C-alpha atoms as a PDB file:
ATOM      1  CA  MET A   1       0.035   0.128   0.180  1.00  0.00           C
ATOM      2  CA  ALA A   2       1.128   3.431  -0.818  1.00  0.00           C
ATOM      3  CA  ASP A   3       1.791   6.034   1.758  1.00  0.00           C
ATOM      4  CA  LYS A   4       0.627   9.077  -0.624  1.00  0.00           C
ATOM      5  CA  LEU A   5      -2.124   9.563  -3.118  1.00  0.00           C
ATOM      6  CA  LYS A   6      -1.790  12.045  -5.726  1.00  0.00           C
ATOM      7  CA  ILE A   7      -5.297  13.549  -6.238  1.00  0.00           C
ATOM      8  CA  THR A   8      -6.540  15.863  -9.334  1.00  0.00           C
ATOM      9  CA  LEU A   9      -9.588  17.472  -9.879  1.00  0.00           C
ATOM     10  CA  VAL A  10     -10.669  16.496 -13.294  1.00  0.00           C
ATOM     11  CA  LYS A  11     -14.319  17.715 -13.222  1.00  0.00           C
ATOM     12  CA  SER A  12     -15.676  21.223 -12.194  1.00  0.00           C
ATOM     13  CA  PRO A  13     -17.515  21.555  -8.855  1.00  0.00           C
ATOM     14  CA  ILE A  14     -19.559  24.379  -9.927  1.00  0.00           C
ATOM     15  CA  GLY A  15     -22.869  22.171 -10.520  1.00  0.00           C
ATOM     16  CA  ALA A  16     -22.022  19.730  -7.493  1.00  0.00           C
ATOM     17  CA  VAL A  17     -23.834  19.941  -4.090  1.00  0.00           C
ATOM     18  CA  PRO A  18     -22.394  22.404  -1.536  1.00  0.00           C
ATOM     19  CA  LYS A  19     -20.939  19.801   0.580  1.00  0.00           C
ATOM     20  CA  GLN A  20     -18.898  18.278  -2.018  1.00  0.00           C
ATOM     21  CA  ARG A  21     -17.731  21.640  -2.995  1.00  0.00           C
ATOM     22  CA  LYS A  22     -16.543  22.027   0.461  1.00  0.00           C
ATOM     23  CA  THR A  23     -14.945  18.736   0.336  1.00  0.00           C
ATOM     24  CA  ILE A  24     -12.881  19.480  -2.706  1.00  0.00           C
ATOM     25  CA  GLU A  25     -11.791  22.561  -0.841  1.00  0.00           C
ATOM     26  CA  ALA A  26     -10.818  20.687   1.933  1.00  0.00           C
ATOM     27  CA  LEU A  27      -8.661  18.323  -0.128  1.00  0.00           C
ATOM     28  CA  GLY A  28      -6.705  21.518  -1.394  1.00  0.00           C
ATOM     29  CA  LEU A  29      -8.074  21.626  -4.509  1.00  0.00           C
ATOM     30  CA  ARG A  30      -8.813  25.163  -5.918  1.00  0.00           C
ATOM     31  CA  LYS A  31      -8.705  25.039  -9.869  1.00  0.00           C
ATOM     32  CA  MET A  32      -9.225  22.406 -12.496  1.00  0.00           C
ATOM     33  CA  HIS A  33      -6.475  19.993 -13.178  1.00  0.00           C
ATOM     34  CA  LYS A  34      -4.332  20.589 -10.267  1.00  0.00           C
ATOM     35  CA  THR A  35      -2.562  18.185  -8.168  1.00  0.00           C
ATOM     36  CA  VAL A  36      -1.951  17.713  -4.328  1.00  0.00           C
ATOM     37  CA  GLU A  37      -0.542  14.941  -2.559  1.00  0.00           C
ATOM     38  CA  MET A  38      -2.280  13.636   0.585  1.00  0.00           C
ATOM     39  CA  PRO A  39      -1.450  10.859   3.046  1.00  0.00           C
ATOM     40  CA  ASN A  40      -3.050   7.492   2.458  1.00  0.00           C
ATOM     41  CA  ASN A  41      -5.273   7.211   5.494  1.00  0.00           C
ATOM     42  CA  ASP A  42      -9.185   6.393   6.096  1.00  0.00           C
ATOM     43  CA  ALA A  43      -9.965  10.170   6.328  1.00  0.00           C
ATOM     44  CA  VAL A  44      -8.611  11.231   3.232  1.00  0.00           C
ATOM     45  CA  LYS A  45     -10.193   7.973   1.425  1.00  0.00           C
ATOM     46  CA  GLY A  46     -13.578   8.838   2.929  1.00  0.00           C
ATOM     47  CA  MET A  47     -13.191  12.345   1.583  1.00  0.00           C
ATOM     48  CA  ILE A  48     -12.289  10.941  -1.951  1.00  0.00           C
ATOM     49  CA  GLN A  49     -15.146   8.508  -1.991  1.00  0.00           C
ATOM     50  CA  GLN A  50     -17.422  11.486  -1.566  1.00  0.00           C
ATOM     51  CA  VAL A  51     -16.276  13.203  -4.447  1.00  0.00           C
ATOM     52  CA  ARG A  52     -15.043  10.367  -6.626  1.00  0.00           C
ATOM     53  CA  HIS A  53     -16.861  11.435  -9.633  1.00  0.00           C
ATOM     54  CA  LEU A  54     -14.811  14.680  -9.605  1.00  0.00           C
ATOM     55  CA  VAL A  55     -11.147  13.544  -9.059  1.00  0.00           C
ATOM     56  CA  LYS A  56      -8.636  11.067 -10.433  1.00  0.00           C
ATOM     57  CA  VAL A  57      -6.647   9.352  -7.606  1.00  0.00           C
ATOM     58  CA  GLU A  58      -3.236   7.571  -8.124  1.00  0.00           C
ATOM     59  CA  GLU A  59      -1.023   5.729  -5.633  1.00  0.00           C
ATOM     60  CA  ILE A  60       2.408   7.041  -5.349  1.00  0.00           C
END
């Protein structure tokens, strides 16, 4: 299991539910096609699960 995840915003959160928009912002994603590295833990996985249709995730 990788210790970090590379998360990229691939779809705009403009039409998303407000809770999903806040989750995207909490992940540190501000603009389209920007990537952040987050630790691979249960909290981050739960956040990704809520917005899985808006992001692309890779293990590094």
